[in-house]
Amino acid sequence: MKKKTLYKGKYIRLVQKGTWEFVERVGANKAVVIIPILRNPNGMVLLKEFRVPIDNYTLSLPAGLVEKDEDVLVAAGRELEEETGYTAGYLKVVLEAPSSVGLSCERLIYVIADDLVQVSDGGGDENEDIVVLDTLMQSVDHQIDQSIVMGWDIDVKLYCGIYLAKNYLMHGREKII
């Protein structure tokens, strides 16, 4: 089936293939979702981030696009440092899955980030509104509940990240899922 471009912007394009209309990113169709693991005690780095498309704050994990021909782990390290202020001594791809099978061909690549060292305050670039939240594993559910009470949306990728983080902390680097 031939694909037809219906609209092309700077970052996305709307395409049609048969009767399906869906979105593609221009220049990248993969994104990394980073699961930053904190040690002693065990925890995760979460983000409070304002997202323009939903006009609201979200509780989420660090994430970003993988540029064309860019190594996934390089992209993960770059986004981790930019958004959280941490660098990772250990990065590992643990899952790859589509982000929204009925809307986009984008694929999410989940990456565990461990052996973290804080090198800055993070917070993203000048176009982002990000607050870094170092959260203990035993407090993750409470952080989600509090975020909902405050009216934030919960990025669904966070739930997958929590599952992967708990498995990683329980089983170590050898077996995650």
N, C-alpha and C. Protein backbone atom coordinates (compact mmCIF):
# COMPACT_ATOMS: atom_id res chain seq x y z
N MET A 1 0.83 -1.18 0.00
CA MET A 1 0.00 0.00 0.00
C MET A 1 0.88 1.25 0.00
N LYS A 2 0.56 2.17 -0.84
CA LYS A 2 1.33 3.41 -0.94
C LYS A 2 0.91 4.40 0.14
N LYS A 3 1.90 5.12 0.64
CA LYS A 3 1.69 6.12 1.69
C LYS A 3 1.65 7.50 1.04
N LYS A 4 0.69 8.33 1.47
CA LYS A 4 0.52 9.67 0.94
C LYS A 4 0.65 10.68 2.08
N THR A 5 1.45 11.73 1.88
CA THR A 5 1.59 12.78 2.88
C THR A 5 0.45 13.77 2.73
N LEU A 6 -0.31 13.96 3.81
CA LEU A 6 -1.43 14.90 3.81
C LEU A 6 -1.01 16.28 4.32
N TYR A 7 -0.03 16.29 5.24
CA TYR A 7 0.47 17.54 5.79
C TYR A 7 1.88 17.29 6.31
N LYS A 8 2.76 18.25 6.11
CA LYS A 8 4.11 18.14 6.66
C LYS A 8 4.47 19.46 7.34
N GLY A 9 4.81 19.35 8.61
CA GLY A 9 5.29 20.49 9.38
C GLY A 9 6.78 20.35 9.62
N LYS A 10 7.30 21.16 10.51
CA LYS A 10 8.72 21.12 10.83
C LYS A 10 9.10 19.83 11.58
N TYR A 11 8.20 19.33 12.45
CA TYR A 11 8.53 18.19 13.30
C TYR A 11 7.66 16.95 13.06
N ILE A 12 6.47 17.14 12.48
CA ILE A 12 5.59 15.99 12.24
C ILE A 12 4.98 16.08 10.85
N ARG A 13 4.49 14.92 10.41
CA ARG A 13 3.71 14.90 9.18
C ARG A 13 2.53 13.96 9.39
N LEU A 14 1.42 14.28 8.74
CA LEU A 14 0.23 13.45 8.75
C LEU A 14 0.23 12.68 7.44
N VAL A 15 0.12 11.37 7.53
CA VAL A 15 0.16 10.53 6.33
C VAL A 15 -1.07 9.65 6.26
N GLN A 16 -1.35 9.17 5.06
CA GLN A 16 -2.46 8.25 4.84
C GLN A 16 -1.93 7.03 4.11
N LYS A 17 -2.34 5.86 4.59
CA LYS A 17 -1.98 4.60 3.96
C LYS A 17 -3.27 3.78 3.92
N GLY A 18 -3.84 3.61 2.73
CA GLY A 18 -5.16 3.00 2.64
C GLY A 18 -6.16 3.93 3.29
N THR A 19 -6.95 3.41 4.22
CA THR A 19 -7.92 4.24 4.93
C THR A 19 -7.38 4.80 6.24
N TRP A 20 -6.14 4.40 6.61
CA TRP A 20 -5.54 4.86 7.87
C TRP A 20 -4.86 6.20 7.72
N GLU A 21 -5.10 7.09 8.65
CA GLU A 21 -4.36 8.33 8.78
C GLU A 21 -3.59 8.25 10.09
N PHE A 22 -2.30 8.61 10.03
CA PHE A 22 -1.48 8.56 11.24
C PHE A 22 -0.36 9.57 11.14
N VAL A 23 0.33 9.74 12.25
CA VAL A 23 1.37 10.75 12.39
C VAL A 23 2.74 10.10 12.34
N GLU A 24 3.67 10.75 11.67
CA GLU A 24 5.08 10.37 11.68
C GLU A 24 5.88 11.58 12.13
N ARG A 25 6.99 11.33 12.78
CA ARG A 25 7.90 12.41 13.11
C ARG A 25 8.79 12.66 11.90
N VAL A 26 9.18 13.89 11.69
CA VAL A 26 10.12 14.23 10.63
C VAL A 26 11.52 14.05 11.20
N GLY A 27 12.30 13.17 10.61
CA GLY A 27 13.70 12.99 11.02
C GLY A 27 13.94 11.97 12.11
N ALA A 28 12.88 11.46 12.73
CA ALA A 28 13.06 10.47 13.80
C ALA A 28 11.73 9.77 14.06
N ASN A 29 11.78 8.46 14.20
CA ASN A 29 10.58 7.72 14.58
C ASN A 29 10.81 6.86 15.81
N LYS A 30 11.87 7.18 16.54
CA LYS A 30 12.15 6.49 17.79
C LYS A 30 12.36 7.53 18.88
N ALA A 31 11.95 7.14 20.08
CA ALA A 31 12.17 7.99 21.25
C ALA A 31 12.67 7.11 22.39
N VAL A 32 13.54 7.67 23.21
CA VAL A 32 14.01 6.95 24.39
C VAL A 32 13.20 7.38 25.60
N VAL A 33 12.91 6.42 26.45
CA VAL A 33 12.30 6.67 27.74
C VAL A 33 13.31 6.15 28.75
N ILE A 34 13.84 7.05 29.57
CA ILE A 34 14.91 6.68 30.48
C ILE A 34 14.33 6.39 31.85
N ILE A 35 14.79 5.28 32.45
CA ILE A 35 14.36 4.88 33.79
C ILE A 35 15.57 5.06 34.71
N PRO A 36 15.70 6.26 35.31
CA PRO A 36 16.86 6.55 36.15
C PRO A 36 16.71 5.93 37.54
N ILE A 37 17.63 5.03 37.88
CA ILE A 37 17.59 4.30 39.14
C ILE A 37 18.48 5.02 40.16
N LEU A 38 17.91 5.33 41.31
CA LEU A 38 18.67 5.89 42.43
C LEU A 38 19.03 4.75 43.38
N ARG A 39 20.16 4.86 44.03
CA ARG A 39 20.63 3.82 44.97
C ARG A 39 20.79 4.40 46.37
N ASN A 40 20.70 3.53 47.35
CA ASN A 40 20.98 3.84 48.76
C ASN A 40 20.23 5.07 49.27
N PRO A 41 18.96 5.04 49.45
CA PRO A 41 18.06 3.92 49.22
C PRO A 41 17.55 3.90 47.78
N ASN A 42 16.93 2.79 47.41
CA ASN A 42 16.44 2.62 46.04
C ASN A 42 15.33 3.62 45.71
N GLY A 43 15.43 4.17 44.52
CA GLY A 43 14.43 5.11 44.06
C GLY A 43 14.54 5.34 42.57
N MET A 44 13.80 6.32 42.09
CA MET A 44 13.79 6.70 40.68
C MET A 44 13.78 8.23 40.58
N VAL A 45 14.29 8.71 39.47
CA VAL A 45 14.19 10.14 39.17
C VAL A 45 12.96 10.33 38.29
N LEU A 46 12.01 11.11 38.77
CA LEU A 46 10.80 11.42 38.02
C LEU A 46 10.81 12.89 37.66
N LEU A 47 9.93 13.28 36.76
CA LEU A 47 9.85 14.67 36.33
C LEU A 47 8.44 15.21 36.46
N LYS A 48 8.34 16.45 36.88
CA LYS A 48 7.13 17.23 36.72
C LYS A 48 7.42 18.10 35.50
N GLU A 49 6.61 17.94 34.47
CA GLU A 49 6.90 18.64 33.21
C GLU A 49 5.63 19.19 32.60
N PHE A 50 5.68 20.45 32.17
CA PHE A 50 4.52 21.03 31.48
C PHE A 50 4.54 20.58 30.04
N ARG A 51 3.39 20.07 29.56
CA ARG A 51 3.26 19.59 28.19
C ARG A 51 2.21 20.40 27.46
N VAL A 52 2.64 21.12 26.44
CA VAL A 52 1.77 22.03 25.70
C VAL A 52 0.56 21.32 25.06
N PRO A 53 0.72 20.15 24.41
CA PRO A 53 -0.45 19.54 23.75
C PRO A 53 -1.62 19.26 24.68
N ILE A 54 -1.36 18.97 25.95
CA ILE A 54 -2.45 18.71 26.90
C ILE A 54 -2.67 19.89 27.84
N ASP A 55 -1.86 20.95 27.71
CA ASP A 55 -1.97 22.17 28.51
C ASP A 55 -2.01 21.85 30.00
N ASN A 56 -1.07 20.99 30.42
CA ASN A 56 -1.06 20.58 31.82
C ASN A 56 0.32 20.05 32.19
N TYR A 57 0.53 19.96 33.49
CA TYR A 57 1.73 19.30 34.00
C TYR A 57 1.53 17.79 33.97
N THR A 58 2.62 17.07 33.82
CA THR A 58 2.59 15.62 33.88
C THR A 58 3.64 15.14 34.87
N LEU A 59 3.39 13.97 35.41
CA LEU A 59 4.41 13.23 36.14
C LEU A 59 4.91 12.21 35.15
N SER A 60 6.23 12.21 34.92
CA SER A 60 6.76 11.39 33.83
C SER A 60 8.20 10.97 34.11
N LEU A 61 8.74 10.26 33.14
CA LEU A 61 10.15 9.90 33.12
C LEU A 61 10.86 10.77 32.09
N PRO A 62 12.17 10.92 32.22
CA PRO A 62 12.91 11.64 31.18
C PRO A 62 12.76 10.90 29.85
N ALA A 63 12.67 11.64 28.78
CA ALA A 63 12.49 11.03 27.46
C ALA A 63 12.90 12.03 26.38
N GLY A 64 13.12 11.52 25.20
CA GLY A 64 13.46 12.41 24.09
C GLY A 64 13.62 11.63 22.80
N LEU A 65 13.73 12.36 21.73
CA LEU A 65 13.85 11.75 20.41
C LEU A 65 15.25 11.20 20.16
N VAL A 66 15.29 10.13 19.40
CA VAL A 66 16.54 9.58 18.89
C VAL A 66 16.67 10.11 17.46
N GLU A 67 17.68 10.93 17.24
CA GLU A 67 17.87 11.51 15.92
C GLU A 67 18.24 10.43 14.91
N LYS A 68 17.97 10.71 13.65
CA LYS A 68 18.30 9.74 12.59
C LYS A 68 19.78 9.39 12.66
N ASP A 69 20.08 8.10 12.64
CA ASP A 69 21.44 7.54 12.69
C ASP A 69 22.15 7.77 14.03
N GLU A 70 21.42 8.19 15.07
CA GLU A 70 22.02 8.37 16.39
C GLU A 70 21.93 7.07 17.19
N ASP A 71 22.97 6.76 17.94
CA ASP A 71 22.95 5.61 18.83
C ASP A 71 21.93 5.85 19.94
N VAL A 72 21.12 4.84 20.23
CA VAL A 72 20.07 4.96 21.23
C VAL A 72 20.63 5.31 22.61
N LEU A 73 21.73 4.67 23.00
CA LEU A 73 22.29 4.93 24.33
C LEU A 73 22.90 6.33 24.42
N VAL A 74 23.42 6.84 23.32
CA VAL A 74 23.92 8.22 23.30
C VAL A 74 22.75 9.18 23.50
N ALA A 75 21.64 8.92 22.81
CA ALA A 75 20.45 9.76 22.97
C ALA A 75 19.92 9.69 24.41
N ALA A 76 19.91 8.49 24.98
CA ALA A 76 19.44 8.33 26.36
C ALA A 76 20.32 9.11 27.34
N GLY A 77 21.62 9.01 27.17
CA GLY A 77 22.54 9.75 28.04
C GLY A 77 22.37 11.25 27.92
N ARG A 78 22.20 11.72 26.70
CA ARG A 78 22.01 13.15 26.45
C ARG A 78 20.74 13.66 27.11
N GLU A 79 19.63 12.95 26.89
CA GLU A 79 18.35 13.38 27.46
C GLU A 79 18.34 13.28 28.98
N LEU A 80 18.95 12.22 29.52
CA LEU A 80 19.04 12.06 30.97
C LEU A 80 19.73 13.26 31.60
N GLU A 81 20.89 13.62 31.07
CA GLU A 81 21.64 14.75 31.65
C GLU A 81 20.91 16.07 31.46
N GLU A 82 20.37 16.30 30.27
CA GLU A 82 19.68 17.56 29.99
C GLU A 82 18.47 17.75 30.90
N GLU A 83 17.68 16.70 31.06
CA GLU A 83 16.43 16.85 31.81
C GLU A 83 16.57 16.68 33.31
N THR A 84 17.50 15.80 33.75
CA THR A 84 17.60 15.51 35.19
C THR A 84 18.85 16.04 35.86
N GLY A 85 19.90 16.32 35.07
CA GLY A 85 21.17 16.73 35.66
C GLY A 85 22.04 15.56 36.08
N TYR A 86 21.61 14.34 35.79
CA TYR A 86 22.38 13.15 36.12
C TYR A 86 23.05 12.57 34.88
N THR A 87 24.23 11.97 35.08
CA THR A 87 24.83 11.11 34.07
C THR A 87 24.77 9.69 34.61
N ALA A 88 24.86 8.72 33.70
CA ALA A 88 24.75 7.32 34.10
C ALA A 88 26.02 6.57 33.72
N GLY A 89 26.52 5.77 34.65
CA GLY A 89 27.66 4.90 34.37
C GLY A 89 27.23 3.63 33.66
N TYR A 90 25.92 3.34 33.70
CA TYR A 90 25.39 2.12 33.10
C TYR A 90 24.08 2.45 32.41
N LEU A 91 23.99 2.14 31.13
CA LEU A 91 22.77 2.30 30.34
C LEU A 91 22.49 0.99 29.62
N LYS A 92 21.23 0.54 29.66
CA LYS A 92 20.88 -0.70 28.98
C LYS A 92 19.47 -0.61 28.42
N VAL A 93 19.31 -0.96 27.14
CA VAL A 93 17.99 -1.05 26.53
C VAL A 93 17.29 -2.27 27.12
N VAL A 94 16.06 -2.08 27.61
CA VAL A 94 15.33 -3.19 28.22
C VAL A 94 14.00 -3.50 27.52
N LEU A 95 13.51 -2.60 26.69
CA LEU A 95 12.24 -2.84 26.01
C LEU A 95 12.11 -1.87 24.84
N GLU A 96 11.55 -2.35 23.74
CA GLU A 96 11.18 -1.49 22.62
C GLU A 96 9.75 -1.82 22.24
N ALA A 97 8.90 -0.79 22.12
CA ALA A 97 7.49 -1.00 21.84
C ALA A 97 6.91 0.24 21.15
N PRO A 98 5.82 0.06 20.39
CA PRO A 98 5.17 1.22 19.78
C PRO A 98 4.54 2.12 20.84
N SER A 99 4.51 3.42 20.56
CA SER A 99 3.96 4.35 21.55
C SER A 99 2.44 4.44 21.50
N SER A 100 1.87 4.43 20.33
CA SER A 100 0.42 4.55 20.16
C SER A 100 0.06 3.93 18.82
N VAL A 101 -0.26 2.65 18.83
CA VAL A 101 -0.37 1.87 17.60
C VAL A 101 -1.43 2.36 16.62
N GLY A 102 -2.42 3.10 17.06
CA GLY A 102 -3.45 3.61 16.17
C GLY A 102 -3.21 5.02 15.70
N LEU A 103 -2.19 5.70 16.24
CA LEU A 103 -1.97 7.11 15.94
C LEU A 103 -0.63 7.37 15.27
N SER A 104 0.38 6.59 15.63
CA SER A 104 1.74 6.92 15.21
C SER A 104 2.56 5.66 14.98
N CYS A 105 3.58 5.79 14.13
CA CYS A 105 4.52 4.68 13.92
C CYS A 105 5.73 4.81 14.85
N GLU A 106 5.73 5.80 15.73
CA GLU A 106 6.83 6.01 16.67
C GLU A 106 7.02 4.79 17.57
N ARG A 107 8.30 4.46 17.83
CA ARG A 107 8.64 3.36 18.73
C ARG A 107 9.37 3.94 19.94
N LEU A 108 9.01 3.43 21.12
CA LEU A 108 9.64 3.84 22.37
C LEU A 108 10.69 2.81 22.75
N ILE A 109 11.85 3.30 23.13
CA ILE A 109 12.92 2.43 23.58
C ILE A 109 13.19 2.77 25.04
N TYR A 110 12.85 1.84 25.93
CA TYR A 110 13.03 2.03 27.37
C TYR A 110 14.46 1.66 27.73
N VAL A 111 15.13 2.56 28.46
CA VAL A 111 16.54 2.38 28.82
C VAL A 111 16.69 2.54 30.33
N ILE A 112 17.26 1.52 30.96
CA ILE A 112 17.62 1.61 32.39
C ILE A 112 18.89 2.47 32.48
N ALA A 113 18.89 3.42 33.41
CA ALA A 113 20.07 4.24 33.69
C ALA A 113 20.44 4.02 35.16
N ASP A 114 21.64 3.50 35.39
CA ASP A 114 22.08 3.19 36.75
C ASP A 114 23.47 3.78 36.96
N ASP A 115 23.96 3.69 38.19
CA ASP A 115 25.24 4.28 38.56
C ASP A 115 25.22 5.78 38.25
N LEU A 116 24.20 6.45 38.76
CA LEU A 116 23.98 7.87 38.47
C LEU A 116 24.91 8.77 39.27
N VAL A 117 25.33 9.84 38.62
CA VAL A 117 26.12 10.90 39.25
C VAL A 117 25.46 12.22 38.88
N GLN A 118 25.13 13.03 39.88
CA GLN A 118 24.51 14.32 39.60
C GLN A 118 25.59 15.33 39.22
N VAL A 119 25.44 15.93 38.03
CA VAL A 119 26.42 16.89 37.52
C VAL A 119 25.85 18.30 37.38
N SER A 120 24.51 18.42 37.46
CA SER A 120 23.87 19.74 37.38
C SER A 120 22.46 19.61 37.96
N ASP A 121 21.72 20.72 37.91
CA ASP A 121 20.35 20.71 38.42
C ASP A 121 19.35 20.13 37.43
N GLY A 122 19.74 19.98 36.16
CA GLY A 122 18.81 19.50 35.14
C GLY A 122 17.77 20.55 34.83
N GLY A 123 16.58 20.11 34.45
CA GLY A 123 15.50 21.04 34.14
C GLY A 123 15.25 21.26 32.67
N GLY A 124 16.02 20.59 31.80
CA GLY A 124 15.79 20.71 30.36
C GLY A 124 16.40 21.96 29.77
N ASP A 125 15.99 22.25 28.54
CA ASP A 125 16.50 23.44 27.84
C ASP A 125 15.54 24.61 28.03
N GLU A 126 15.80 25.70 27.33
CA GLU A 126 15.01 26.93 27.51
C GLU A 126 13.56 26.78 27.06
N ASN A 127 13.24 25.74 26.29
CA ASN A 127 11.87 25.52 25.82
C ASN A 127 11.09 24.55 26.71
N GLU A 128 11.70 24.10 27.80
CA GLU A 128 11.06 23.10 28.65
C GLU A 128 10.83 23.65 30.05
N ASP A 129 9.79 23.17 30.68
CA ASP A 129 9.44 23.53 32.06
C ASP A 129 9.46 22.23 32.86
N ILE A 130 10.64 21.89 33.41
CA ILE A 130 10.85 20.60 34.07
C ILE A 130 11.34 20.81 35.51
N VAL A 131 10.74 20.06 36.43
CA VAL A 131 11.20 20.00 37.81
C VAL A 131 11.60 18.55 38.08
N VAL A 132 12.80 18.34 38.61
CA VAL A 132 13.33 17.01 38.89
C VAL A 132 12.84 16.56 40.28
N LEU A 133 12.31 15.33 40.33
CA LEU A 133 11.78 14.77 41.58
C LEU A 133 12.47 13.45 41.88
N ASP A 134 13.45 13.47 42.80
CA ASP A 134 14.08 12.23 43.24
C ASP A 134 13.10 11.55 44.20
N THR A 135 12.65 10.34 43.84
CA THR A 135 11.56 9.69 44.56
C THR A 135 11.97 8.29 45.00
N LEU A 136 11.78 7.98 46.27
CA LEU A 136 12.06 6.63 46.77
C LEU A 136 11.06 5.64 46.17
N MET A 137 11.49 4.40 45.92
CA MET A 137 10.59 3.41 45.35
C MET A 137 9.36 3.22 46.21
N GLN A 138 9.53 3.22 47.53
CA GLN A 138 8.36 3.02 48.39
C GLN A 138 7.42 4.22 48.37
N SER A 139 7.85 5.34 47.78
CA SER A 139 7.02 6.55 47.72
C SER A 139 6.46 6.83 46.33
N VAL A 140 6.76 5.97 45.36
CA VAL A 140 6.32 6.24 43.98
C VAL A 140 4.80 6.29 43.89
N ASP A 141 4.11 5.33 44.50
CA ASP A 141 2.64 5.33 44.46
C ASP A 141 2.08 6.59 45.10
N HIS A 142 2.67 7.01 46.21
CA HIS A 142 2.24 8.24 46.88
C HIS A 142 2.48 9.45 45.98
N GLN A 143 3.62 9.49 45.29
CA GLN A 143 3.92 10.60 44.38
C GLN A 143 2.88 10.67 43.25
N ILE A 144 2.49 9.52 42.73
CA ILE A 144 1.46 9.47 41.70
C ILE A 144 0.13 9.99 42.26
N ASP A 145 -0.25 9.50 43.43
CA ASP A 145 -1.50 9.96 44.06
C ASP A 145 -1.49 11.46 44.28
N GLN A 146 -0.39 11.99 44.82
CA GLN A 146 -0.28 13.44 45.07
C GLN A 146 -0.34 14.24 43.77
N SER A 147 0.27 13.71 42.73
CA SER A 147 0.25 14.40 41.43
C SER A 147 -1.17 14.48 40.89
N ILE A 148 -1.92 13.40 41.04
CA ILE A 148 -3.32 13.39 40.59
C ILE A 148 -4.14 14.40 41.40
N VAL A 149 -3.92 14.44 42.71
CA VAL A 149 -4.62 15.40 43.57
C VAL A 149 -4.32 16.83 43.12
N MET A 150 -3.08 17.08 42.69
CA MET A 150 -2.70 18.43 42.24
C MET A 150 -3.19 18.73 40.84
N GLY A 151 -3.84 17.76 40.19
CA GLY A 151 -4.41 17.99 38.87
C GLY A 151 -3.47 17.69 37.71
N TRP A 152 -2.33 17.10 38.01
CA TRP A 152 -1.41 16.75 36.93
C TRP A 152 -1.91 15.49 36.23
N ASP A 153 -1.50 15.34 34.98
CA ASP A 153 -1.73 14.10 34.27
C ASP A 153 -0.54 13.17 34.51
N ILE A 154 -0.78 11.88 34.49
CA ILE A 154 0.27 10.88 34.65
C ILE A 154 0.59 10.33 33.27
N ASP A 155 1.82 10.50 32.84
CA ASP A 155 2.24 9.95 31.55
C ASP A 155 2.22 8.44 31.67
N VAL A 156 1.47 7.78 30.81
CA VAL A 156 1.29 6.33 30.90
C VAL A 156 2.62 5.57 30.80
N LYS A 157 3.62 6.16 30.18
CA LYS A 157 4.93 5.52 30.09
C LYS A 157 5.56 5.33 31.48
N LEU A 158 5.14 6.14 32.43
CA LEU A 158 5.66 6.02 33.78
C LEU A 158 5.31 4.66 34.40
N TYR A 159 4.10 4.18 34.16
CA TYR A 159 3.70 2.89 34.74
C TYR A 159 4.57 1.75 34.22
N CYS A 160 4.87 1.76 32.94
CA CYS A 160 5.77 0.75 32.37
C CYS A 160 7.16 0.90 32.98
N GLY A 161 7.62 2.13 33.12
CA GLY A 161 8.93 2.39 33.71
C GLY A 161 9.04 1.90 35.15
N ILE A 162 7.98 2.08 35.93
CA ILE A 162 7.98 1.60 37.32
C ILE A 162 8.08 0.09 37.34
N TYR A 163 7.32 -0.58 36.49
CA TYR A 163 7.38 -2.04 36.40
C TYR A 163 8.80 -2.50 36.08
N LEU A 164 9.40 -1.88 35.07
CA LEU A 164 10.76 -2.27 34.67
C LEU A 164 11.78 -1.95 35.78
N ALA A 165 11.61 -0.81 36.45
CA ALA A 165 12.53 -0.45 37.55
C ALA A 165 12.44 -1.44 38.70
N LYS A 166 11.23 -1.82 39.08
CA LYS A 166 11.07 -2.78 40.18
C LYS A 166 11.70 -4.13 39.82
N ASN A 167 11.50 -4.58 38.59
CA ASN A 167 12.12 -5.84 38.15
C ASN A 167 13.64 -5.73 38.15
N TYR A 168 14.14 -4.60 37.71
CA TYR A 168 15.58 -4.38 37.67
C TYR A 168 16.16 -4.41 39.08
N LEU A 169 15.50 -3.72 40.00
CA LEU A 169 16.00 -3.68 41.38
C LEU A 169 15.88 -5.03 42.07
N MET A 170 14.89 -5.83 41.68
CA MET A 170 14.70 -7.14 42.28
C MET A 170 15.65 -8.19 41.70
N HIS A 171 15.87 -8.15 40.40
CA HIS A 171 16.62 -9.21 39.72
C HIS A 171 18.01 -8.79 39.25
N GLY A 172 18.32 -7.50 39.30
CA GLY A 172 19.63 -7.05 38.86
C GLY A 172 19.76 -6.89 37.36
N ARG A 173 20.97 -6.74 36.91
CA ARG A 173 21.25 -6.44 35.52
C ARG A 173 21.03 -7.62 34.58
N GLU A 174 20.98 -8.83 35.10
CA GLU A 174 20.88 -10.01 34.24
C GLU A 174 19.47 -10.22 33.69
N LYS A 175 18.44 -10.05 34.52
CA LYS A 175 17.07 -10.34 34.11
C LYS A 175 16.18 -9.18 34.54
N ILE A 176 15.61 -8.51 33.55
CA ILE A 176 14.76 -7.37 33.88
C ILE A 176 13.30 -7.68 33.58
N ILE A 177 13.01 -8.25 32.42
CA ILE A 177 11.62 -8.63 32.12
C ILE A 177 11.59 -10.08 31.71
